[in-house]
C-alpha atoms as a PDB file:
ATOM      1  CA  MET A   1      -3.793  20.817 -21.091  1.00  0.00           C
ATOM      2  CA  PHE A   2      -7.249  22.344 -21.485  1.00  0.00           C
ATOM      3  CA  GLU A   3      -6.099  24.247 -24.593  1.00  0.00           C
ATOM      4  CA  ARG A   4      -8.432  22.923 -27.318  1.00  0.00           C
ATOM      5  CA  ASN A   5     -11.102  24.862 -29.145  1.00  0.00           C
ATOM      6  CA  GLY A   6     -14.705  23.762 -28.699  1.00  0.00           C
ATOM      7  CA  PRO A   7     -16.387  22.023 -25.770  1.00  0.00           C
ATOM      8  CA  ASP A   8     -14.110  20.510 -23.120  1.00  0.00           C
ATOM      9  CA  LEU A   9     -14.447  16.845 -22.214  1.00  0.00           C
ATOM     10  CA  ARG A  10     -16.542  17.510 -19.120  1.00  0.00           C
ATOM     11  CA  THR A  11     -19.052  19.501 -21.180  1.00  0.00           C
ATOM     12  CA  ARG A  12     -19.220  16.839 -23.893  1.00  0.00           C
ATOM     13  CA  LEU A  13     -19.945  14.173 -21.308  1.00  0.00           C
ATOM     14  CA  GLN A  14     -22.616  16.299 -19.661  1.00  0.00           C
ATOM     15  CA  GLN A  15     -24.236  16.791 -23.056  1.00  0.00           C
ATOM     16  CA  GLY A  16     -24.600  13.014 -23.294  1.00  0.00           C
ATOM     17  CA  GLY A  17     -21.888  12.213 -25.835  1.00  0.00           C
ATOM     18  CA  PRO A  18     -21.337   9.826 -27.315  1.00  0.00           C
ATOM     19  CA  VAL A  19     -17.603  10.192 -26.788  1.00  0.00           C
ATOM     20  CA  GLY A  20     -15.424   7.616 -28.555  1.00  0.00           C
ATOM     21  CA  ALA A  21     -12.218   6.638 -26.736  1.00  0.00           C
ATOM     22  CA  PHE A  22      -9.005   5.076 -28.004  1.00  0.00           C
ATOM     23  CA  TRP A  23      -7.598   2.924 -25.180  1.00  0.00           C
ATOM     24  CA  PHE A  24      -3.832   2.386 -24.899  1.00  0.00           C
ATOM     25  CA  SER A  25      -2.064  -0.275 -22.852  1.00  0.00           C
ATOM     26  CA  LEU A  26       1.211  -0.923 -24.703  1.00  0.00           C
ATOM     27  CA  GLY A  27       2.986   2.110 -23.261  1.00  0.00           C
ATOM     28  CA  SER A  28       4.010   3.529 -26.644  1.00  0.00           C
ATOM     29  CA  PRO A  29       3.782   7.314 -27.126  1.00  0.00           C
ATOM     30  CA  SER A  30       4.585   6.742 -30.812  1.00  0.00           C
ATOM     31  CA  LEU A  31       1.522   4.529 -31.219  1.00  0.00           C
ATOM     32  CA  VAL A  32      -0.604   7.218 -29.598  1.00  0.00           C
ATOM     33  CA  GLU A  33       0.831   9.726 -32.075  1.00  0.00           C
ATOM     34  CA  VAL A  34      -0.040   7.516 -35.053  1.00  0.00           C
ATOM     35  CA  SER A  35      -3.600   7.083 -33.770  1.00  0.00           C
ATOM     36  CA  LEU A  36      -4.222  10.823 -33.671  1.00  0.00           C
ATOM     37  CA  GLU A  37      -4.684  10.829 -37.451  1.00  0.00           C
ATOM     38  CA  ALA A  38      -8.000   9.054 -36.753  1.00  0.00           C
ATOM     39  CA  GLN A  39      -9.080  11.961 -34.501  1.00  0.00           C
ATOM     40  CA  PRO A  40     -10.204  10.172 -31.324  1.00  0.00           C
ATOM     41  CA  ASP A  41     -12.604  12.032 -29.060  1.00  0.00           C
ATOM     42  CA  VAL A  42     -10.469  11.097 -26.081  1.00  0.00           C
ATOM     43  CA  VAL A  43      -7.275   9.118 -25.443  1.00  0.00           C
ATOM     44  CA  VAL A  44      -7.119   6.808 -22.417  1.00  0.00           C
ATOM     45  CA  LEU A  45      -3.730   5.711 -21.086  1.00  0.00           C
ATOM     46  CA  ASP A  46      -4.158   2.575 -18.966  1.00  0.00           C
ATOM     47  CA  ALA A  47      -1.568   2.752 -16.192  1.00  0.00           C
ATOM     48  CA  GLN A  48      -3.276   0.086 -14.108  1.00  0.00           C
ATOM     49  CA  HIS A  49      -2.870  -2.878 -16.457  1.00  0.00           C
ATOM     50  CA  GLY A  50      -0.782  -1.327 -19.225  1.00  0.00           C
ATOM     51  CA  LEU A  51       2.937  -0.680 -19.639  1.00  0.00           C
ATOM     52  CA  TRP A  52       2.781   3.062 -18.908  1.00  0.00           C
ATOM     53  CA  ASP A  53       5.052   4.685 -16.343  1.00  0.00           C
ATOM     54  CA  ARG A  54       5.321   8.304 -15.226  1.00  0.00           C
ATOM     55  CA  LEU A  55       7.800   9.287 -17.942  1.00  0.00           C
ATOM     56  CA  SER A  56       6.012   7.605 -20.858  1.00  0.00           C
ATOM     57  CA  ILE A  57       2.700   9.149 -19.745  1.00  0.00           C
ATOM     58  CA  GLU A  58       4.401  12.539 -19.717  1.00  0.00           C
ATOM     59  CA  HIS A  59       5.750  11.938 -23.238  1.00  0.00           C
ATOM     60  CA  ALA A  60       2.420  10.727 -24.603  1.00  0.00           C
ATOM     61  CA  ILE A  61       0.545  13.742 -23.253  1.00  0.00           C
ATOM     62  CA  GLY A  62       3.183  16.021 -24.743  1.00  0.00           C
ATOM     63  CA  ILE A  63       2.684  14.399 -28.152  1.00  0.00           C
ATOM     64  CA  VAL A  64      -1.093  14.641 -27.972  1.00  0.00           C
ATOM     65  CA  GLY A  65      -0.899  18.322 -27.071  1.00  0.00           C
ATOM     66  CA  SER A  66      -4.160  20.091 -27.871  1.00  0.00           C
ATOM     67  CA  ARG A  67      -5.375  17.489 -30.368  1.00  0.00           C
ATOM     68  CA  SER A  68      -7.330  15.340 -27.920  1.00  0.00           C
ATOM     69  CA  PRO A  69      -8.150  15.225 -24.217  1.00  0.00           C
ATOM     70  CA  VAL A  70      -6.239  12.566 -22.283  1.00  0.00           C
ATOM     71  CA  LEU A  71      -7.549  10.500 -19.394  1.00  0.00           C
ATOM     72  CA  VAL A  72      -5.212   8.328 -17.346  1.00  0.00           C
ATOM     73  CA  ARG A  73      -6.578   5.147 -15.820  1.00  0.00           C
ATOM     74  CA  THR A  74      -4.542   5.327 -12.655  1.00  0.00           C
ATOM     75  CA  THR A  75      -2.778   2.391 -11.051  1.00  0.00           C
ATOM     76  CA  ASP A  76      -5.116   2.591  -8.039  1.00  0.00           C
ATOM     77  CA  HIS A  77      -7.157   5.171  -6.156  1.00  0.00           C
ATOM     78  CA  SER A  78      -4.311   6.502  -4.007  1.00  0.00           C
ATOM     79  CA  HIS A  79      -3.655  10.237  -3.830  1.00  0.00           C
ATOM     80  CA  ALA A  80      -0.163   9.779  -5.268  1.00  0.00           C
ATOM     81  CA  SER A  81      -1.407   7.881  -8.301  1.00  0.00           C
ATOM     82  CA  LEU A  82      -4.036  10.493  -9.162  1.00  0.00           C
ATOM     83  CA  SER A  83      -1.734  13.426  -8.475  1.00  0.00           C
ATOM     84  CA  GLN A  84       1.005  12.092 -10.738  1.00  0.00           C
ATOM     85  CA  ALA A  85      -1.401  11.537 -13.637  1.00  0.00           C
ATOM     86  CA  LEU A  86      -2.759  15.069 -13.383  1.00  0.00           C
ATOM     87  CA  ASP A  87       0.700  16.586 -12.869  1.00  0.00           C
ATOM     88  CA  ALA A  88       1.712  14.990 -16.179  1.00  0.00           C
ATOM     89  CA  GLY A  89      -0.936  17.116 -17.880  1.00  0.00           C
ATOM     90  CA  ALA A  90      -3.884  14.731 -18.153  1.00  0.00           C
ATOM     91  CA  GLU A  91      -7.286  16.372 -18.472  1.00  0.00           C
ATOM     92  CA  GLY A  92      -8.677  13.846 -16.068  1.00  0.00           C
ATOM     93  CA  VAL A  93      -8.387  10.531 -14.301  1.00  0.00           C
ATOM     94  CA  LEU A  94     -10.235   7.257 -14.545  1.00  0.00           C
ATOM     95  CA  VAL A  95     -10.029   5.640 -11.132  1.00  0.00           C
ATOM     96  CA  PRO A  96     -10.285   1.833 -10.978  1.00  0.00           C
ATOM     97  CA  LEU A  97     -12.069  -0.486  -8.563  1.00  0.00           C
ATOM     98  CA  ILE A  98     -14.258   2.042  -6.765  1.00  0.00           C
ATOM     99  CA  GLU A  99     -16.605   0.146  -4.452  1.00  0.00           C
ATOM    100  CA  THR A 100     -17.800   2.732  -1.925  1.00  0.00           C
ATOM    101  CA  ALA A 101     -18.875   6.354  -1.764  1.00  0.00           C
ATOM    102  CA  GLU A 102     -15.949   6.990   0.586  1.00  0.00           C
ATOM    103  CA  GLN A 103     -13.461   5.822  -2.050  1.00  0.00           C
ATOM    104  CA  ALA A 104     -15.180   7.968  -4.671  1.00  0.00           C
ATOM    105  CA  ALA A 105     -15.032  11.026  -2.412  1.00  0.00           C
ATOM    106  CA  ALA A 106     -11.331  10.430  -1.785  1.00  0.00           C
ATOM    107  CA  ALA A 107     -10.718  10.294  -5.544  1.00  0.00           C
ATOM    108  CA  VAL A 108     -12.480  13.621  -6.004  1.00  0.00           C
ATOM    109  CA  ALA A 109     -10.493  15.204  -3.174  1.00  0.00           C
ATOM    110  CA  ALA A 110      -7.196  13.980  -4.632  1.00  0.00           C
ATOM    111  CA  SER A 111      -8.086  15.499  -8.012  1.00  0.00           C
ATOM    112  CA  ARG A 112      -9.033  19.017  -6.880  1.00  0.00           C
ATOM    113  CA  PHE A 113      -6.852  21.747  -5.407  1.00  0.00           C
ATOM    114  CA  PRO A 114      -7.816  23.375  -2.105  1.00  0.00           C
ATOM    115  CA  PRO A 115     -10.288  24.637  -1.077  1.00  0.00           C
ATOM    116  CA  HIS A 116     -12.227  22.122  -3.182  1.00  0.00           C
ATOM    117  CA  GLY A 117      -9.964  19.162  -2.466  1.00  0.00           C
ATOM    118  CA  GLU A 118      -6.545  18.021  -1.306  1.00  0.00           C
ATOM    119  CA  ARG A 119      -4.436  17.918  -4.474  1.00  0.00           C
ATOM    120  CA  SER A 120      -0.859  19.060  -4.013  1.00  0.00           C
ATOM    121  CA  GLY A 121       0.506  21.747  -6.328  1.00  0.00           C
ATOM    122  CA  GLY A 122       3.312  20.611  -8.613  1.00  0.00           C
ATOM    123  CA  GLY A 123       4.263  18.927 -11.864  1.00  0.00           C
ATOM    124  CA  ILE A 124       6.432  20.184 -14.726  1.00  0.00           C
ATOM    125  CA  ARG A 125       3.586  21.192 -17.039  1.00  0.00           C
ATOM    126  CA  PRO A 126       1.435  22.929 -14.422  1.00  0.00           C
ATOM    127  CA  LEU A 127       4.407  24.920 -13.110  1.00  0.00           C
ATOM    128  CA  LYS A 128       6.265  25.787 -16.314  1.00  0.00           C
ATOM    129  CA  HIS A 129       4.089  28.727 -17.388  1.00  0.00           C
ATOM    130  CA  ASN A 130       1.469  30.239 -15.107  1.00  0.00           C
ATOM    131  CA  PHE A 131       0.452  28.022 -12.217  1.00  0.00           C
ATOM    132  CA  ALA A 132      -2.193  30.476 -11.048  1.00  0.00           C
ATOM    133  CA  ALA A 133      -3.961  30.200 -14.405  1.00  0.00           C
ATOM    134  CA  TYR A 134      -3.576  26.403 -14.409  1.00  0.00           C
ATOM    135  CA  TYR A 135      -4.981  26.214 -10.883  1.00  0.00           C
ATOM    136  CA  THR A 136      -8.131  28.058 -11.912  1.00  0.00           C
ATOM    137  CA  VAL A 137      -8.725  26.042 -15.081  1.00  0.00           C
ATOM    138  CA  ALA A 138      -7.849  22.701 -13.477  1.00  0.00           C
ATOM    139  CA  ASN A 139     -10.340  23.092 -10.639  1.00  0.00           C
ATOM    140  CA  ALA A 140     -13.027  24.013 -13.161  1.00  0.00           C
ATOM    141  CA  ARG A 141     -12.334  21.418 -15.857  1.00  0.00           C
ATOM    142  CA  THR A 142     -10.461  18.395 -14.475  1.00  0.00           C
ATOM    143  CA  VAL A 143     -12.558  15.291 -15.145  1.00  0.00           C
ATOM    144  CA  VAL A 144     -12.941  12.640 -12.458  1.00  0.00           C
ATOM    145  CA  GLY A 145     -14.279   9.323 -13.703  1.00  0.00           C
ATOM    146  CA  VAL A 146     -14.654   6.338 -11.400  1.00  0.00           C
ATOM    147  CA  MET A 147     -14.881   2.711 -12.440  1.00  0.00           C
ATOM    148  CA  ILE A 148     -17.553   0.410 -11.081  1.00  0.00           C
ATOM    149  CA  GLU A 149     -16.318  -3.062 -11.894  1.00  0.00           C
ATOM    150  CA  THR A 150     -17.198  -5.366  -9.005  1.00  0.00           C
ATOM    151  CA  GLU A 151     -20.349  -6.832  -7.516  1.00  0.00           C
ATOM    152  CA  ARG A 152     -19.836  -4.722  -4.401  1.00  0.00           C
ATOM    153  CA  GLY A 153     -19.474  -1.606  -6.535  1.00  0.00           C
ATOM    154  CA  VAL A 154     -22.776  -2.362  -8.272  1.00  0.00           C
ATOM    155  CA  ARG A 155     -24.494  -2.806  -4.903  1.00  0.00           C
ATOM    156  CA  ASN A 156     -23.176   0.604  -3.850  1.00  0.00           C
ATOM    157  CA  ALA A 157     -23.678   2.226  -7.254  1.00  0.00           C
ATOM    158  CA  ARG A 158     -26.268   4.777  -6.175  1.00  0.00           C
ATOM    159  CA  ALA A 159     -24.137   6.079  -3.287  1.00  0.00           C
ATOM    160  CA  ILE A 160     -21.040   6.221  -5.518  1.00  0.00           C
ATOM    161  CA  ILE A 161     -22.921   8.046  -8.275  1.00  0.00           C
ATOM    162  CA  GLU A 162     -24.309  10.620  -5.839  1.00  0.00           C
ATOM    163  CA  THR A 163     -20.816  11.538  -4.592  1.00  0.00           C
ATOM    164  CA  PRO A 164     -20.263  15.281  -5.222  1.00  0.00           C
ATOM    165  CA  GLY A 165     -17.567  16.008  -7.800  1.00  0.00           C
ATOM    166  CA  ILE A 166     -17.821  12.780  -9.800  1.00  0.00           C
ATOM    167  CA  ASP A 167     -18.078  13.594 -13.522  1.00  0.00           C
ATOM    168  CA  PHE A 168     -18.896  10.142 -14.867  1.00  0.00           C
ATOM    169  CA  VAL A 169     -18.922   6.448 -14.065  1.00  0.00           C
ATOM    170  CA  LEU A 170     -17.353   3.829 -16.324  1.00  0.00           C
ATOM    171  CA  ILE A 171     -18.432   0.209 -16.068  1.00  0.00           C
ATOM    172  CA  GLY A 172     -15.423  -2.098 -16.262  1.00  0.00           C
ATOM    173  CA  THR A 173     -17.108  -5.002 -18.010  1.00  0.00           C
ATOM    174  CA  GLY A 174     -14.234  -7.484 -17.784  1.00  0.00           C
ATOM    175  CA  ASP A 175     -13.591  -7.229 -14.060  1.00  0.00           C
ATOM    176  CA  LEU A 176     -17.321  -7.085 -13.438  1.00  0.00           C
ATOM    177  CA  ALA A 177     -17.750 -10.446 -15.185  1.00  0.00           C
ATOM    178  CA  LEU A 178     -14.943 -11.889 -13.054  1.00  0.00           C
ATOM    179  CA  SER A 179     -16.460 -10.500  -9.871  1.00  0.00           C
ATOM    180  CA  LEU A 180     -19.893 -11.913 -10.700  1.00  0.00           C
ATOM    181  CA  GLY A 181     -18.417 -15.318 -11.503  1.00  0.00           C
ATOM    182  CA  SER A 182     -19.887 -15.100 -14.993  1.00  0.00           C
ATOM    183  CA  PHE A 183     -16.650 -15.111 -16.988  1.00  0.00           C
ATOM    184  CA  PRO A 184     -16.236 -16.432 -19.667  1.00  0.00           C
ATOM    185  CA  GLN A 185     -19.843 -17.528 -20.118  1.00  0.00           C
ATOM    186  CA  VAL A 186     -22.591 -15.191 -21.281  1.00  0.00           C
ATOM    187  CA  ASP A 187     -24.591 -14.566 -18.126  1.00  0.00           C
ATOM    188  CA  PRO A 188     -27.707 -12.373 -17.872  1.00  0.00           C
ATOM    189  CA  ARG A 189     -26.527 -11.209 -14.439  1.00  0.00           C
ATOM    190  CA  HIS A 190     -23.758  -9.256 -16.150  1.00  0.00           C
ATOM    191  CA  GLU A 191     -26.090  -7.272 -18.389  1.00  0.00           C
ATOM    192  CA  GLU A 192     -28.449  -6.764 -15.464  1.00  0.00           C
ATOM    193  CA  ALA A 193     -25.601  -5.275 -13.424  1.00  0.00           C
ATOM    194  CA  CYS A 194     -24.645  -2.941 -16.289  1.00  0.00           C
ATOM    195  CA  ARG A 195     -28.260  -1.847 -16.608  1.00  0.00           C
ATOM    196  CA  THR A 196     -28.439  -1.191 -12.853  1.00  0.00           C
ATOM    197  CA  VAL A 197     -25.500   1.202 -13.033  1.00  0.00           C
ATOM    198  CA  LEU A 198     -26.773   2.885 -16.217  1.00  0.00           C
ATOM    199  CA  GLU A 199     -30.217   3.481 -14.728  1.00  0.00           C
ATOM    200  CA  ALA A 200     -28.750   4.811 -11.476  1.00  0.00           C
ATOM    201  CA  CYS A 201     -26.643   7.268 -13.492  1.00  0.00           C
ATOM    202  CA  ARG A 202     -29.670   8.369 -15.479  1.00  0.00           C
ATOM    203  CA  SER A 203     -31.659   8.982 -12.300  1.00  0.00           C
ATOM    204  CA  ALA A 204     -28.849  11.133 -10.932  1.00  0.00           C
ATOM    205  CA  GLY A 205     -28.182  12.949 -14.217  1.00  0.00           C
ATOM    206  CA  LEU A 206     -24.613  11.613 -14.335  1.00  0.00           C
ATOM    207  CA  PRO A 207     -22.971  10.379 -17.562  1.00  0.00           C
ATOM    208  CA  CYS A 208     -22.404   6.613 -17.692  1.00  0.00           C
ATOM    209  CA  ALA A 209     -19.611   5.054 -19.737  1.00  0.00           C
ATOM    210  CA  ILE A 210     -18.759   1.437 -20.480  1.00  0.00           C
ATOM    211  CA  PHE A 211     -15.711  -0.464 -21.673  1.00  0.00           C
ATOM    212  CA  THR A 212     -16.364  -1.979 -25.096  1.00  0.00           C
ATOM    213  CA  PRO A 213     -14.077  -4.370 -26.999  1.00  0.00           C
ATOM    214  CA  ASP A 214     -14.467  -2.942 -30.518  1.00  0.00           C
ATOM    215  CA  ALA A 215     -16.177  -0.334 -32.672  1.00  0.00           C
ATOM    216  CA  SER A 216     -19.263  -2.458 -33.319  1.00  0.00           C
ATOM    217  CA  ALA A 217     -19.914  -2.982 -29.617  1.00  0.00           C
ATOM    218  CA  ALA A 218     -19.154   0.696 -28.991  1.00  0.00           C
ATOM    219  CA  ALA A 219     -21.796   1.806 -31.512  1.00  0.00           C
ATOM    220  CA  LYS A 220     -24.351  -0.538 -29.936  1.00  0.00           C
ATOM    221  CA  ARG A 221     -23.697   0.732 -26.422  1.00  0.00           C
ATOM    222  CA  ALA A 222     -23.782   4.357 -27.575  1.00  0.00           C
ATOM    223  CA  LYS A 223     -27.290   3.767 -28.938  1.00  0.00           C
ATOM    224  CA  GLU A 224     -28.267   2.410 -25.514  1.00  0.00           C
ATOM    225  CA  GLY A 225     -27.357   5.745 -23.969  1.00  0.00           C
ATOM    226  CA  TYR A 226     -23.785   5.314 -22.738  1.00  0.00           C
ATOM    227  CA  ALA A 227     -21.972   8.652 -22.901  1.00  0.00           C
ATOM    228  CA  LEU A 228     -18.446   7.260 -23.445  1.00  0.00           C
ATOM    229  CA  VAL A 229     -17.456   4.013 -25.144  1.00  0.00           C
ATOM    230  CA  VAL A 230     -14.168   2.453 -26.271  1.00  0.00           C
ATOM    231  CA  VAL A 231     -13.929   2.481 -30.063  1.00  0.00           C
ATOM    232  CA  ALA A 232     -10.522   0.777 -30.290  1.00  0.00           C
ATOM    233  CA  ASN A 233      -7.711  -0.477 -28.094  1.00  0.00           C
ATOM    234  CA  ASP A 234      -4.093  -0.704 -29.117  1.00  0.00           C
ATOM    235  CA  ILE A 235      -3.555  -4.390 -28.297  1.00  0.00           C
ATOM    236  CA  ASP A 236      -6.348  -5.561 -30.590  1.00  0.00           C
ATOM    237  CA  ALA A 237      -5.656  -2.944 -33.266  1.00  0.00           C
ATOM    238  CA  VAL A 238      -2.024  -3.991 -33.590  1.00  0.00           C
ATOM    239  CA  SER A 239      -2.535  -7.750 -33.329  1.00  0.00           C
ATOM    240  CA  ARG A 240      -5.466  -7.790 -35.777  1.00  0.00           C
ATOM    241  CA  SER A 241      -3.590  -5.653 -38.273  1.00  0.00           C
ATOM    242  CA  PHE A 242      -0.591  -7.979 -38.242  1.00  0.00           C
ATOM    243  CA  GLN A 243      -2.809 -11.046 -38.461  1.00  0.00           C
ATOM    244  CA  MET A 244      -4.740  -9.599 -41.402  1.00  0.00           C
ATOM    245  CA  ALA A 245      -1.528  -8.742 -43.239  1.00  0.00           C
ATOM    246  CA  SER A 246      -0.091 -12.189 -42.605  1.00  0.00           C
ATOM    247  CA  ASP A 247      -3.278 -13.907 -43.804  1.00  0.00           C
ATOM    248  CA  GLN A 248      -3.449 -11.770 -46.941  1.00  0.00           C
ATOM    249  CA  PHE A 249       0.161 -12.543 -47.768  1.00  0.00           C
ATOM    250  CA  ALA A 250      -0.303 -16.260 -47.207  1.00  0.00           C
ATOM    251  CA  SER A 251      -3.401 -16.377 -49.392  1.00  0.00           C
ATOM    252  CA  GLY A 252      -1.856 -14.429 -52.247  1.00  0.00           C
ATOM    253  CA  ALA A 253       1.756 -15.553 -52.427  1.00  0.00           C
ATOM    254  CA  PRO A 254       2.461 -18.586 -54.651  1.00  0.00           C
ATOM    255  CA  GLY A 255       4.002 -21.672 -53.065  1.00  0.00           C
ATOM    256  CA  LEU A 256       3.038 -20.827 -49.492  1.00  0.00           C
ATOM    257  CA  PRO A 257       0.887 -23.300 -47.566  1.00  0.00           C
ATOM    258  CA  GLN A 258      -2.674 -22.066 -47.052  1.00  0.00           C
ATOM    259  CA  ARG A 259      -3.716 -21.375 -43.466  1.00  0.00           C
ATOM    260  CA  ASP A 260      -6.888 -22.513 -41.811  1.00  0.00           C
END
C-alpha cells in the first residue's frame, strides 16, 4: 500500500503514461503472483465480471506487496463496494458504468476520508500498523478512475471528466459497443465515441485510459495518447498459451492427426 519507490500511480498517470496494465478476471492470486515476473505497471483485479471476492482480493494484494500498484474494478459504484476494495489495500478503484457527474462525485466521496469525502475508516491493512499515517497517505494518493462505457456516459463525458477528484477516465470499449448497438460489427460510431471522450479528457487535462484486448492494440492506443492501456488479460493469456502448446504438440508428435 503506497510503499513503492519512484513515482506513485497517480503521478505516472498525470505525467501522461503510458501505463501498461495486466487485467485479471479468473480470481487467482497465484496467477497474479506468476505475472509479477513480467513487471506490470499496474495490476487490475476485475471484481465486476471476474471471480474475485473480498478474501481473494485481500490475498492478491498481499502477494503483490510493493511490486506493483493494484486497482480494483469494483462490482458497482456503491460506497460499500469501493470501501471494501480500498480497505483490502488497493491503491485505487476503477468504478464501472459511470453515466453522470453525480455518480462520479459519489465515487470520489466514497474513496476519500473526511473532510475530503465520506469513506469509513477500517480494514485489516489500514488498521494493522499506523492508521493515522495511512489516512494521510491514502487521502493524498488513492486513485479514483471512472469508466465511461455507455452512450449516455459519452453524452455526459465532459461533466463527468470535470468532476473534482477524478484521477482518470477509462473507456470500456466492450460495453460501449453494446450500448451503441455496434457489436460485433466494426462501426465508426464506436471510434468516434472513444475520440469524443479522449478529446474531452485532453481539454480538461485529465488522463484518459482505454481497455485494449492485447499488447498490439495497447501499443497502438498508447501512441494515440491514452495514458493507461491493457497489455494482457489473464483469460486470453492462459487460453492462448494452452492452445499454442496443444497445437505445437499435435504438429510435432508422430502418429497424431493434424489439426486445422
